[in-house]
Amino acid sequence: MKLSARNQLKGKIVDVQKGATTSHVRIDIGGGAIVTASITNEAVAELGLKTGDAAVAVIKASDVMVGI
């Protein structure tokens, strides 16, 4: 698969928490960093995502905001 997004973080799924319509997928990208993605339950099922699977967090954003 080729993507235009350059921010691709490889890791391992450490948790999938399903809600009513969306799931939170937590990916350990190493160095103590966890990336959490909120995706539809349908996408989780279609991709067959489960704890322990290798995954890539793909980040495509025109803006990144940081606050303190």
PDB file of N, CA and C in Angstrom:
ATOM      1  N   MET A   1       0.841  -1.175   0.000  1.00  0.00           N
ATOM      2  CA  MET A   1       0.000   0.000   0.000  1.00  0.00           C
ATOM      3  C   MET A   1       0.886   1.238   0.000  1.00  0.00           C
ATOM      4  N   LYS A   2       0.603   2.174  -0.874  1.00  0.00           N
ATOM      5  CA  LYS A   2       1.330   3.445  -0.905  1.00  0.00           C
ATOM      6  C   LYS A   2       0.396   4.553  -0.433  1.00  0.00           C
ATOM      7  N   LEU A   3       0.953   5.447   0.378  1.00  0.00           N
ATOM      8  CA  LEU A   3       0.182   6.566   0.909  1.00  0.00           C
ATOM      9  C   LEU A   3       0.953   7.857   0.727  1.00  0.00           C
ATOM     10  N   SER A   4       0.236   8.968   0.616  1.00  0.00           N
ATOM     11  CA  SER A   4       0.899  10.260   0.509  1.00  0.00           C
ATOM     12  C   SER A   4       1.354  10.765   1.876  1.00  0.00           C
ATOM     13  N   ALA A   5       0.757  10.256   2.945  1.00  0.00           N
ATOM     14  CA  ALA A   5       1.128  10.689   4.293  1.00  0.00           C
ATOM     15  C   ALA A   5       2.539  10.215   4.617  1.00  0.00           C
ATOM     16  N   ARG A   6       3.374  11.124   5.074  1.00  0.00           N
ATOM     17  CA  ARG A   6       4.760  10.792   5.387  1.00  0.00           C
ATOM     18  C   ARG A   6       4.954  10.395   6.842  1.00  0.00           C
ATOM     19  N   ASN A   7       3.997  10.734   7.686  1.00  0.00           N
ATOM     20  CA  ASN A   7       4.102  10.423   9.108  1.00  0.00           C
ATOM     21  C   ASN A   7       3.495   9.048   9.377  1.00  0.00           C
ATOM     22  N   GLN A   8       4.336   8.029   9.268  1.00  0.00           N
ATOM     23  CA  GLN A   8       3.897   6.656   9.477  1.00  0.00           C
ATOM     24  C   GLN A   8       4.714   6.063  10.619  1.00  0.00           C
ATOM     25  N   LEU A   9       4.031   5.704  11.697  1.00  0.00           N
ATOM     26  CA  LEU A   9       4.681   5.218  12.907  1.00  0.00           C
ATOM     27  C   LEU A   9       4.354   3.741  13.100  1.00  0.00           C
ATOM     28  N   LYS A  10       5.356   2.887  12.942  1.00  0.00           N
ATOM     29  CA  LYS A  10       5.146   1.444  13.092  1.00  0.00           C
ATOM     30  C   LYS A  10       5.125   1.074  14.566  1.00  0.00           C
ATOM     31  N   GLY A  11       4.262   0.123  14.902  1.00  0.00           N
ATOM     32  CA  GLY A  11       4.181  -0.314  16.278  1.00  0.00           C
ATOM     33  C   GLY A  11       3.355  -1.563  16.436  1.00  0.00           C
ATOM     34  N   LYS A  12       2.913  -1.784  17.677  1.00  0.00           N
ATOM     35  CA  LYS A  12       2.125  -2.963  18.016  1.00  0.00           C
ATOM     36  C   LYS A  12       0.879  -2.519  18.771  1.00  0.00           C
ATOM     37  N   ILE A  13      -0.249  -3.091  18.424  1.00  0.00           N
ATOM     38  CA  ILE A  13      -1.498  -2.766  19.105  1.00  0.00           C
ATOM     39  C   ILE A  13      -1.447  -3.332  20.525  1.00  0.00           C
ATOM     40  N   VAL A  14      -1.675  -2.455  21.503  1.00  0.00           N
ATOM     41  CA  VAL A  14      -1.659  -2.888  22.897  1.00  0.00           C
ATOM     42  C   VAL A  14      -3.055  -2.923  23.515  1.00  0.00           C
ATOM     43  N   ASP A  15      -4.040  -2.296  22.831  1.00  0.00           N
ATOM     44  CA  ASP A  15      -5.397  -2.304  23.368  1.00  0.00           C
ATOM     45  C   ASP A  15      -6.378  -1.846  22.300  1.00  0.00           C
ATOM     46  N   VAL A  16      -7.547  -2.469  22.276  1.00  0.00           N
ATOM     47  CA  VAL A  16      -8.656  -2.028  21.430  1.00  0.00           C
ATOM     48  C   VAL A  16      -9.876  -1.950  22.337  1.00  0.00           C
ATOM     49  N   GLN A  17     -10.365  -0.727  22.563  1.00  0.00           N
ATOM     50  CA  GLN A  17     -11.537  -0.531  23.406  1.00  0.00           C
ATOM     51  C   GLN A  17     -12.703  -0.102  22.537  1.00  0.00           C
ATOM     52  N   LYS A  18     -13.692  -0.997  22.416  1.00  0.00           N
ATOM     53  CA  LYS A  18     -14.858  -0.706  21.573  1.00  0.00           C
ATOM     54  C   LYS A  18     -15.904   0.064  22.362  1.00  0.00           C
ATOM     55  N   GLY A  19     -16.463   1.079  21.699  1.00  0.00           N
ATOM     56  CA  GLY A  19     -17.564   1.848  22.252  1.00  0.00           C
ATOM     57  C   GLY A  19     -18.820   1.547  21.458  1.00  0.00           C
ATOM     58  N   ALA A  20     -19.815   2.428  21.578  1.00  0.00           N
ATOM     59  CA  ALA A  20     -21.082   2.221  20.888  1.00  0.00           C
ATOM     60  C   ALA A  20     -20.909   2.259  19.369  1.00  0.00           C
ATOM     61  N   THR A  21     -20.117   3.216  18.875  1.00  0.00           N
ATOM     62  CA  THR A  21     -19.930   3.345  17.422  1.00  0.00           C
ATOM     63  C   THR A  21     -18.468   3.423  17.007  1.00  0.00           C
ATOM     64  N   THR A  22     -17.602   3.822  17.941  1.00  0.00           N
ATOM     65  CA  THR A  22     -16.180   3.945  17.617  1.00  0.00           C
ATOM     66  C   THR A  22     -15.333   3.168  18.620  1.00  0.00           C
ATOM     67  N   SER A  23     -14.127   2.869  18.188  1.00  0.00           N
ATOM     68  CA  SER A  23     -13.168   2.171  19.038  1.00  0.00           C
ATOM     69  C   SER A  23     -11.928   3.030  19.209  1.00  0.00           C
ATOM     70  N   HIS A  24     -11.262   2.874  20.342  1.00  0.00           N
ATOM     71  CA  HIS A  24      -9.964   3.506  20.566  1.00  0.00           C
ATOM     72  C   HIS A  24      -8.918   2.412  20.431  1.00  0.00           C
ATOM     73  N   VAL A  25      -8.017   2.590  19.470  1.00  0.00           N
ATOM     74  CA  VAL A  25      -6.958   1.628  19.211  1.00  0.00           C
ATOM     75  C   VAL A  25      -5.654   2.245  19.688  1.00  0.00           C
ATOM     76  N   ARG A  26      -5.009   1.596  20.666  1.00  0.00           N
ATOM     77  CA  ARG A  26      -3.751   2.099  21.230  1.00  0.00           C
ATOM     78  C   ARG A  26      -2.599   1.331  20.619  1.00  0.00           C
ATOM     79  N   ILE A  27      -1.634   2.080  20.042  1.00  0.00           N
ATOM     80  CA  ILE A  27      -0.482   1.487  19.367  1.00  0.00           C
ATOM     81  C   ILE A  27       0.792   1.935  20.072  1.00  0.00           C
ATOM     82  N   ASP A  28       1.571   0.969  20.530  1.00  0.00           N
ATOM     83  CA  ASP A  28       2.865   1.243  21.155  1.00  0.00           C
ATOM     84  C   ASP A  28       3.885   1.419  20.039  1.00  0.00           C
ATOM     85  N   ILE A  29       4.433   2.634  19.920  1.00  0.00           N
ATOM     86  CA  ILE A  29       5.392   2.921  18.845  1.00  0.00           C
ATOM     87  C   ILE A  29       6.830   2.916  19.356  1.00  0.00           C
ATOM     88  N   GLY A  30       7.022   2.458  20.582  1.00  0.00           N
ATOM     89  CA  GLY A  30       8.367   2.345  21.148  1.00  0.00           C
ATOM     90  C   GLY A  30       8.764   3.555  21.965  1.00  0.00           C
ATOM     91  N   GLY A  31       9.793   3.383  22.765  1.00  0.00           N
ATOM     92  CA  GLY A  31      10.299   4.473  23.591  1.00  0.00           C
ATOM     93  C   GLY A  31       9.314   4.957  24.622  1.00  0.00           C
ATOM     94  N   GLY A  32       8.361   4.112  24.992  1.00  0.00           N
ATOM     95  CA  GLY A  32       7.361   4.497  25.981  1.00  0.00           C
ATOM     96  C   GLY A  32       6.221   5.329  25.416  1.00  0.00           C
ATOM     97  N   ALA A  33       6.171   5.510  24.087  1.00  0.00           N
ATOM     98  CA  ALA A  33       5.124   6.328  23.455  1.00  0.00           C
ATOM     99  C   ALA A  33       3.978   5.457  22.935  1.00  0.00           C
ATOM    100  N   ILE A  34       2.763   5.899  23.233  1.00  0.00           N
ATOM    101  CA  ILE A  34       1.547   5.230  22.765  1.00  0.00           C
ATOM    102  C   ILE A  34       0.765   6.233  21.931  1.00  0.00           C
ATOM    103  N   VAL A  35       0.336   5.811  20.744  1.00  0.00           N
ATOM    104  CA  VAL A  35      -0.527   6.629  19.894  1.00  0.00           C
ATOM    105  C   VAL A  35      -1.920   6.010  19.953  1.00  0.00           C
ATOM    106  N   THR A  36      -2.933   6.845  20.162  1.00  0.00           N
ATOM    107  CA  THR A  36      -4.309   6.359  20.214  1.00  0.00           C
ATOM    108  C   THR A  36      -5.081   6.900  19.018  1.00  0.00           C
ATOM    109  N   ALA A  37      -5.732   5.976  18.301  1.00  0.00           N
ATOM    110  CA  ALA A  37      -6.557   6.351  17.154  1.00  0.00           C
ATOM    111  C   ALA A  37      -8.008   6.041  17.476  1.00  0.00           C
ATOM    112  N   SER A  38      -8.896   6.950  17.118  1.00  0.00           N
ATOM    113  CA  SER A  38     -10.326   6.729  17.273  1.00  0.00           C
ATOM    114  C   SER A  38     -10.877   6.416  15.883  1.00  0.00           C
ATOM    115  N   ILE A  39     -11.327   5.170  15.688  1.00  0.00           N
ATOM    116  CA  ILE A  39     -11.842   4.747  14.380  1.00  0.00           C
ATOM    117  C   ILE A  39     -13.171   4.019  14.585  1.00  0.00           C
ATOM    118  N   THR A  40     -13.916   3.845  13.509  1.00  0.00           N
ATOM    119  CA  THR A  40     -15.217   3.186  13.634  1.00  0.00           C
ATOM    120  C   THR A  40     -15.051   1.717  14.000  1.00  0.00           C
ATOM    121  N   ASN A  41     -16.061   1.192  14.660  1.00  0.00           N
ATOM    122  CA  ASN A  41     -16.077  -0.237  14.975  1.00  0.00           C
ATOM    123  C   ASN A  41     -16.047  -1.064  13.691  1.00  0.00           C
ATOM    124  N   GLU A  42     -16.697  -0.553  12.651  1.00  0.00           N
ATOM    125  CA  GLU A  42     -16.701  -1.237  11.351  1.00  0.00           C
ATOM    126  C   GLU A  42     -15.281  -1.359  10.802  1.00  0.00           C
ATOM    127  N   ALA A  43     -14.479  -0.313  10.929  1.00  0.00           N
ATOM    128  CA  ALA A  43     -13.094  -0.350  10.446  1.00  0.00           C
ATOM    129  C   ALA A  43     -12.271  -1.362  11.240  1.00  0.00           C
ATOM    130  N   VAL A  44     -12.493  -1.422  12.548  1.00  0.00           N
ATOM    131  CA  VAL A  44     -11.783  -2.401  13.384  1.00  0.00           C
ATOM    132  C   VAL A  44     -12.101  -3.816  12.895  1.00  0.00           C
ATOM    133  N   ALA A  45     -13.378  -4.069  12.624  1.00  0.00           N
ATOM    134  CA  ALA A  45     -13.794  -5.396  12.160  1.00  0.00           C
ATOM    135  C   ALA A  45     -13.228  -5.711  10.780  1.00  0.00           C
ATOM    136  N   GLU A  46     -13.314  -4.743   9.851  1.00  0.00           N
ATOM    137  CA  GLU A  46     -12.816  -4.960   8.487  1.00  0.00           C
ATOM    138  C   GLU A  46     -11.315  -5.243   8.471  1.00  0.00           C
ATOM    139  N   LEU A  47     -10.563  -4.539   9.326  1.00  0.00           N
ATOM    140  CA  LEU A  47      -9.114  -4.721   9.392  1.00  0.00           C
ATOM    141  C   LEU A  47      -8.719  -5.903  10.283  1.00  0.00           C
ATOM    142  N   GLY A  48      -9.674  -6.418  11.056  1.00  0.00           N
ATOM    143  CA  GLY A  48      -9.393  -7.530  11.958  1.00  0.00           C
ATOM    144  C   GLY A  48      -8.400  -7.175  13.054  1.00  0.00           C
ATOM    145  N   LEU A  49      -8.472  -5.937  13.550  1.00  0.00           N
ATOM    146  CA  LEU A  49      -7.504  -5.454  14.538  1.00  0.00           C
ATOM    147  C   LEU A  49      -7.698  -6.124  15.887  1.00  0.00           C
ATOM    148  N   LYS A  50      -6.574  -6.541  16.488  1.00  0.00           N
ATOM    149  CA  LYS A  50      -6.618  -7.115  17.827  1.00  0.00           C
ATOM    150  C   LYS A  50      -5.294  -6.868  18.533  1.00  0.00           C
ATOM    151  N   THR A  51      -5.332  -6.955  19.841  1.00  0.00           N
ATOM    152  CA  THR A  51      -4.139  -6.762  20.664  1.00  0.00           C
ATOM    153  C   THR A  51      -3.037  -7.718  20.222  1.00  0.00           C
ATOM    154  N   GLY A  52      -1.823  -7.161  20.097  1.00  0.00           N
ATOM    155  CA  GLY A  52      -0.663  -7.949  19.694  1.00  0.00           C
ATOM    156  C   GLY A  52      -0.327  -7.855  18.217  1.00  0.00           C
ATOM    157  N   ASP A  53      -1.265  -7.346  17.404  1.00  0.00           N
ATOM    158  CA  ASP A  53      -1.023  -7.197  15.965  1.00  0.00           C
ATOM    159  C   ASP A  53      -0.035  -6.065  15.688  1.00  0.00           C
ATOM    160  N   ALA A  54       0.772  -6.241  14.659  1.00  0.00           N
ATOM    161  CA  ALA A  54       1.598  -5.140  14.157  1.00  0.00           C
ATOM    162  C   ALA A  54       0.662  -4.170  13.441  1.00  0.00           C
ATOM    163  N   ALA A  55       0.946  -2.876  13.564  1.00  0.00           N
ATOM    164  CA  ALA A  55       0.106  -1.858  12.930  1.00  0.00           C
ATOM    165  C   ALA A  55       0.951  -0.623  12.634  1.00  0.00           C
ATOM    166  N   VAL A  56       0.419   0.228  11.789  1.00  0.00           N
ATOM    167  CA  VAL A  56       1.073   1.493  11.462  1.00  0.00           C
ATOM    168  C   VAL A  56       0.081   2.621  11.718  1.00  0.00           C
ATOM    169  N   ALA A  57       0.470   3.581  12.547  1.00  0.00           N
ATOM    170  CA  ALA A  57      -0.327   4.787  12.756  1.00  0.00           C
ATOM    171  C   ALA A  57       0.063   5.759  11.655  1.00  0.00           C
ATOM    172  N   VAL A  58      -0.890   6.097  10.794  1.00  0.00           N
ATOM    173  CA  VAL A  58      -0.640   7.014   9.685  1.00  0.00           C
ATOM    174  C   VAL A  58      -1.285   8.345  10.043  1.00  0.00           C
ATOM    175  N   ILE A  59      -0.464   9.391  10.077  1.00  0.00           N
ATOM    176  CA  ILE A  59      -0.945  10.704  10.496  1.00  0.00           C
ATOM    177  C   ILE A  59      -0.885  11.660   9.322  1.00  0.00           C
ATOM    178  N   LYS A  60      -2.047  12.179   8.935  1.00  0.00           N
ATOM    179  CA  LYS A  60      -2.131  13.145   7.837  1.00  0.00           C
ATOM    180  C   LYS A  60      -2.961  14.310   8.361  1.00  0.00           C
ATOM    181  N   ALA A  61      -2.300  15.425   8.579  1.00  0.00           N
ATOM    182  CA  ALA A  61      -3.001  16.585   9.127  1.00  0.00           C
ATOM    183  C   ALA A  61      -2.419  17.861   8.539  1.00  0.00           C
ATOM    184  N   SER A  62      -3.293  18.794   8.267  1.00  0.00           N
ATOM    185  CA  SER A  62      -2.818  20.094   7.773  1.00  0.00           C
ATOM    186  C   SER A  62      -2.408  20.996   8.937  1.00  0.00           C
ATOM    187  N   ASP A  63      -2.919  20.713  10.133  1.00  0.00           N
ATOM    188  CA  ASP A  63      -2.592  21.509  11.314  1.00  0.00           C
ATOM    189  C   ASP A  63      -2.314  20.594  12.488  1.00  0.00           C
ATOM    190  N   VAL A  64      -1.336  20.965  13.280  1.00  0.00           N
ATOM    191  CA  VAL A  64      -1.081  20.287  14.551  1.00  0.00           C
ATOM    192  C   VAL A  64      -1.044  21.374  15.604  1.00  0.00           C
ATOM    193  N   MET A  65      -1.902  21.238  16.605  1.00  0.00           N
ATOM    194  CA  MET A  65      -1.986  22.258  17.652  1.00  0.00           C
ATOM    195  C   MET A  65      -1.426  21.694  18.939  1.00  0.00           C
ATOM    196  N   VAL A  66      -0.689  22.516  19.663  1.00  0.00           N
ATOM    197  CA  VAL A  66      -0.131  22.134  20.960  1.00  0.00           C
ATOM    198  C   VAL A  66      -0.497  23.221  21.965  1.00  0.00           C
ATOM    199  N   GLY A  67      -0.953  22.803  23.113  1.00  0.00           N
ATOM    200  CA  GLY A  67      -1.304  23.765  24.154  1.00  0.00           C
ATOM    201  C   GLY A  67      -0.732  23.335  25.482  1.00  0.00           C
ATOM    202  N   ILE A  68      -0.581  24.295  26.375  1.00  0.00           N
ATOM    203  CA  ILE A  68      -0.103  23.957  27.727  1.00  0.00           C
ATOM    204  C   ILE A  68      -0.994  24.624  28.744  1.00  0.00           C
TER     205      ILE A  68
END
